[in-house]
Amino acid sequence: MILMIKIIPIINARMESNRLPGKVILKLKDKSVFSHQIERMRHSSSIESPYLATTKSEKNKALIKEAIKENIPYYCGAEEDIAERFISVLEKENANAAIRCAGDQPLFSYEIVDLLLSEYKGEDYLYPSTKLGKGIGLEIFSLNALKKSRKYYRGPALAKYILEYPHKFKIRGIEVYDDLSRPEFRLTLDTIEDYNLISLIYEKFYDVAKPVDLRQVYKFLDDNPNISN
């Protein structure tokens, strides 16, 4: 019997952030961070429609409007219990697993998404084992793993319990392309300095409906150490 696997890409995001409030709807070349994430996910091949998993806070109304504008479904759940949000989405969509993308990853690698999808064989947790810069790599969680770990942990770190008790789960790391392995670069969005850098990257490399190529970004940062520093 062939196992039918349905994997949902879920962007977990909310408007509240201690260091950079509202970062998911900040503009990058006339589009929100969140809209760029949707575009990058859609650039991946053979993937289900992305989902927004956010919280019930009234502050997330602007983010939900972005999801509606992008014609993607959304779910509003617990504030800190991210696993609850993921489990609810997967059960609603009758899916086996989720690709997780955090709201602070406007330059995640869609190539790594493709690689994860092609490599996934029903593991509880599939992740890039190659060292990557912060904000680049995503990961896949099975519904079963999320339910199991939620019995013991209900916080914001989705992989925490799985990594602390790996013997209880089926875990596998996969190597990604060498030219995407630039662990020295930070391309996540947590501070105003991060936003200034990522805005500069989008101004320089983004064309409409053509996601930014990370290899171009790395070359640019190599050639401009004053910026990357």
Protein backbone atom coordinates (compact mmCIF):
# COMPACT_ATOMS: atom_id res chain seq x y z
CA MET A 1 0.00 0.00 0.00
CA ILE A 2 1.42 3.36 -1.06
CA LEU A 3 1.47 6.01 1.66
CA MET A 4 -0.23 9.19 0.44
CA ILE A 5 1.54 12.19 1.91
CA LYS A 6 0.05 15.67 2.01
CA ILE A 7 2.35 18.42 3.26
CA ILE A 8 1.06 21.92 4.05
CA PRO A 9 3.43 24.91 4.11
CA ILE A 10 2.58 26.92 7.22
CA ILE A 11 3.86 30.43 7.93
CA ASN A 12 3.57 31.04 11.64
CA ALA A 13 3.53 34.78 12.20
CA ARG A 14 2.01 37.47 14.38
CA MET A 15 2.17 41.23 14.67
CA GLU A 16 3.54 41.30 18.21
CA SER A 17 7.33 41.27 18.45
CA ASN A 18 9.42 42.65 21.28
CA ARG A 19 12.23 43.96 19.11
CA LEU A 20 10.45 44.81 15.86
CA PRO A 21 6.64 45.00 16.22
CA GLY A 22 4.66 44.49 13.02
CA LYS A 23 7.68 43.19 11.14
CA VAL A 24 5.65 40.73 9.04
CA ILE A 25 3.85 43.54 7.23
CA LEU A 26 6.83 45.87 6.83
CA LYS A 27 7.39 46.77 3.19
CA LEU A 28 10.13 45.30 1.02
CA LYS A 29 10.05 46.81 -2.48
CA ASP A 30 6.36 47.80 -2.23
CA LYS A 31 5.19 44.43 -0.86
CA SER A 32 4.92 43.18 2.70
CA VAL A 33 7.38 40.72 4.19
CA PHE A 34 4.51 38.24 4.43
CA SER A 35 3.57 38.66 0.75
CA HIS A 36 7.15 37.97 -0.27
CA GLN A 37 7.11 34.82 1.84
CA ILE A 38 3.98 33.62 0.05
CA GLU A 39 5.60 34.35 -3.31
CA ARG A 40 8.76 32.45 -2.38
CA MET A 41 6.72 29.47 -1.19
CA ARG A 42 4.67 29.48 -4.39
CA HIS A 43 7.90 29.51 -6.37
CA SER A 44 8.59 26.05 -5.03
CA SER A 45 7.41 23.15 -7.16
CA SER A 46 4.68 20.61 -6.31
CA ILE A 47 3.45 22.22 -3.14
CA GLU A 48 0.09 22.78 -1.47
CA SER A 49 -1.22 26.30 -0.92
CA PRO A 50 0.53 28.08 1.96
CA TYR A 51 -1.33 28.70 5.21
CA LEU A 52 -1.05 31.50 7.75
CA ALA A 53 -1.06 30.32 11.37
CA THR A 54 -1.44 33.29 13.69
CA THR A 55 -3.02 34.08 17.06
CA LYS A 56 -6.42 35.34 18.18
CA SER A 57 -5.02 38.75 19.13
CA GLU A 58 -6.85 41.75 17.65
CA LYS A 59 -3.43 43.10 16.66
CA ASN A 60 -3.20 40.48 13.89
CA LYS A 61 -6.06 41.93 11.83
CA ALA A 62 -3.63 43.67 9.47
CA LEU A 63 -1.78 40.40 8.92
CA ILE A 64 -5.01 38.52 8.24
CA LYS A 65 -5.90 41.18 5.64
CA GLU A 66 -2.61 40.35 3.90
CA ALA A 67 -3.54 36.65 3.86
CA ILE A 68 -6.95 37.45 2.37
CA LYS A 69 -5.32 39.70 -0.24
CA GLU A 70 -2.94 36.87 -1.17
CA ASN A 71 -5.88 34.44 -1.33
CA ILE A 72 -4.48 32.02 1.22
CA PRO A 73 -6.29 30.40 4.18
CA TYR A 74 -5.51 31.35 7.76
CA TYR A 75 -6.03 30.00 11.25
CA CYS A 76 -6.05 31.95 14.52
CA GLY A 77 -5.06 29.98 17.59
CA ALA A 78 -3.13 30.02 20.84
CA GLU A 79 -0.67 32.82 21.55
CA GLU A 80 2.40 30.84 22.63
CA ASP A 81 1.32 27.29 21.79
CA ILE A 82 2.53 27.12 18.19
CA ALA A 83 2.01 23.35 18.01
CA GLU A 84 -1.73 23.87 18.60
CA ARG A 85 -1.91 26.10 15.55
CA PHE A 86 -0.04 23.63 13.36
CA ILE A 87 -2.03 20.63 14.53
CA SER A 88 -5.33 22.44 13.91
CA VAL A 89 -4.33 23.41 10.36
CA LEU A 90 -3.11 19.91 9.48
CA GLU A 91 -6.22 18.24 10.86
CA LYS A 92 -8.47 20.70 9.06
CA GLU A 93 -6.67 20.00 5.76
CA ASN A 94 -6.37 16.24 6.39
CA ALA A 95 -2.58 16.54 5.95
CA ASN A 96 0.28 14.40 7.26
CA ALA A 97 2.95 17.03 7.80
CA ALA A 98 3.86 20.71 7.65
CA ILE A 99 6.73 22.73 6.27
CA ARG A 100 7.32 25.41 8.87
CA CYS A 101 8.32 28.94 7.89
CA ALA A 102 8.62 31.58 10.61
CA GLY A 103 7.46 35.15 10.05
CA ASP A 104 11.02 36.44 10.32
CA GLN A 105 12.31 34.57 7.22
CA PRO A 106 11.70 36.77 4.14
CA LEU A 107 14.69 35.21 2.33
CA PHE A 108 14.19 31.52 3.07
CA SER A 109 15.43 29.17 0.34
CA TYR A 110 12.67 27.83 -1.91
CA GLU A 111 15.28 25.41 -3.27
CA ILE A 112 15.62 23.90 0.19
CA VAL A 113 11.82 23.61 0.31
CA ASP A 114 11.93 21.60 -2.93
CA LEU A 115 14.70 19.42 -1.53
CA LEU A 116 12.79 18.75 1.70
CA LEU A 117 9.67 17.82 -0.27
CA SER A 118 11.57 15.45 -2.54
CA GLU A 119 13.37 13.81 0.41
CA TYR A 120 10.46 13.44 2.80
CA LYS A 121 9.52 9.82 3.47
CA GLY A 122 7.19 10.18 6.44
CA GLU A 123 9.77 11.15 9.07
CA ASP A 124 8.67 12.91 12.25
CA TYR A 125 11.22 15.67 11.67
CA LEU A 126 13.21 16.38 8.52
CA TYR A 127 15.67 19.26 8.53
CA PRO A 128 18.79 20.59 6.75
CA SER A 129 21.89 19.21 8.46
CA THR A 130 24.17 21.50 6.45
CA LYS A 131 25.20 24.64 8.35
CA LEU A 132 23.17 27.56 7.03
CA GLY A 133 22.86 31.24 7.75
CA LYS A 134 20.02 32.19 10.08
CA GLY A 135 16.72 32.64 8.26
CA ILE A 136 17.47 30.39 5.26
CA GLY A 137 16.52 26.82 6.09
CA LEU A 138 13.05 25.41 6.78
CA GLU A 139 11.97 22.07 8.26
CA ILE A 140 9.19 19.47 8.07
CA PHE A 141 7.21 18.22 11.08
CA SER A 142 4.81 15.29 10.98
CA LEU A 143 1.37 15.64 12.55
CA ASN A 144 2.12 12.69 14.82
CA ALA A 145 5.32 14.31 16.10
CA LEU A 146 3.55 17.58 16.81
CA LYS A 147 0.84 15.81 18.80
CA LYS A 148 3.37 13.75 20.73
CA SER A 149 5.64 16.67 21.62
CA ARG A 150 2.68 18.90 22.58
CA LYS A 151 1.84 16.54 25.45
CA TYR A 152 5.05 17.70 27.14
CA TYR A 153 5.78 21.15 25.69
CA ARG A 154 3.47 23.99 24.59
CA GLY A 155 5.77 26.90 23.89
CA PRO A 156 7.09 28.85 20.91
CA ALA A 157 10.02 26.52 20.05
CA LEU A 158 8.33 23.93 17.85
CA ALA A 159 11.30 21.53 17.65
CA LYS A 160 12.40 21.85 21.29
CA TYR A 161 10.98 18.60 22.67
CA ILE A 162 11.88 16.63 19.54
CA LEU A 163 15.52 17.71 19.73
CA GLU A 164 15.73 17.08 23.47
CA TYR A 165 14.32 13.54 23.11
CA PRO A 166 15.35 12.43 19.60
CA HIS A 167 15.11 8.72 20.51
CA LYS A 168 11.33 9.09 20.70
CA PHE A 169 11.05 10.28 17.10
CA LYS A 170 12.11 9.39 13.58
CA ILE A 171 14.50 12.23 12.73
CA ARG A 172 16.66 12.77 9.65
CA GLY A 173 18.93 15.56 8.49
CA ILE A 174 19.63 16.17 4.81
CA GLU A 175 22.54 17.95 3.19
CA VAL A 176 21.79 20.94 0.98
CA TYR A 177 23.73 22.54 -1.85
CA ASP A 178 27.18 23.76 -0.85
CA ASP A 179 26.64 27.21 -2.37
CA LEU A 180 23.72 27.81 0.00
CA SER A 181 25.88 27.01 3.01
CA ARG A 182 26.91 30.44 4.26
CA PRO A 183 26.44 30.22 8.03
CA GLU A 184 28.32 33.48 8.58
CA PHE A 185 25.45 35.53 7.14
CA ARG A 186 22.41 36.54 9.15
CA LEU A 187 19.35 37.02 6.93
CA THR A 188 16.55 36.85 9.46
CA LEU A 189 14.29 39.74 10.46
CA ASP A 190 14.41 40.51 14.19
CA THR A 191 15.78 44.05 14.48
CA ILE A 192 15.72 47.35 12.62
CA GLU A 193 19.28 46.63 11.48
CA ASP A 194 18.07 43.37 9.94
CA TYR A 195 15.28 45.25 8.19
CA ASN A 196 17.65 47.85 6.78
CA LEU A 197 19.89 45.13 5.33
CA ILE A 198 17.05 43.05 3.89
CA SER A 199 15.41 46.19 2.44
CA LEU A 200 18.67 46.99 0.67
CA ILE A 201 18.83 43.45 -0.71
CA TYR A 202 15.26 43.63 -2.02
CA GLU A 203 15.82 47.04 -3.59
CA LYS A 204 18.83 45.68 -5.43
CA PHE A 205 17.69 42.22 -6.48
CA TYR A 206 13.91 41.90 -6.47
CA ASP A 207 11.95 41.95 -9.73
CA VAL A 208 8.18 41.57 -9.82
CA ALA A 209 7.16 37.92 -9.40
CA LYS A 210 10.81 36.85 -9.44
CA PRO A 211 12.01 35.94 -5.94
CA VAL A 212 15.43 37.12 -4.82
CA ASP A 213 18.18 34.61 -5.64
CA LEU A 214 20.26 33.84 -2.55
CA ARG A 215 23.39 33.22 -4.61
CA GLN A 216 23.23 36.82 -5.84
CA VAL A 217 22.78 37.98 -2.27
CA TYR A 218 25.82 36.04 -1.05
CA LYS A 219 27.98 37.41 -3.85
CA PHE A 220 26.82 40.94 -3.04
CA LEU A 221 27.65 40.49 0.66
CA ASP A 222 31.03 38.98 -0.19
CA ASP A 223 31.83 41.97 -2.42
CA ASN A 224 30.61 44.47 0.20
CA PRO A 225 31.97 43.38 3.60
CA ASN A 226 31.18 46.81 5.04
CA ILE A 227 27.48 46.00 4.50
CA SER A 228 27.58 42.39 5.60
CA ASN A 229 29.45 43.34 8.76
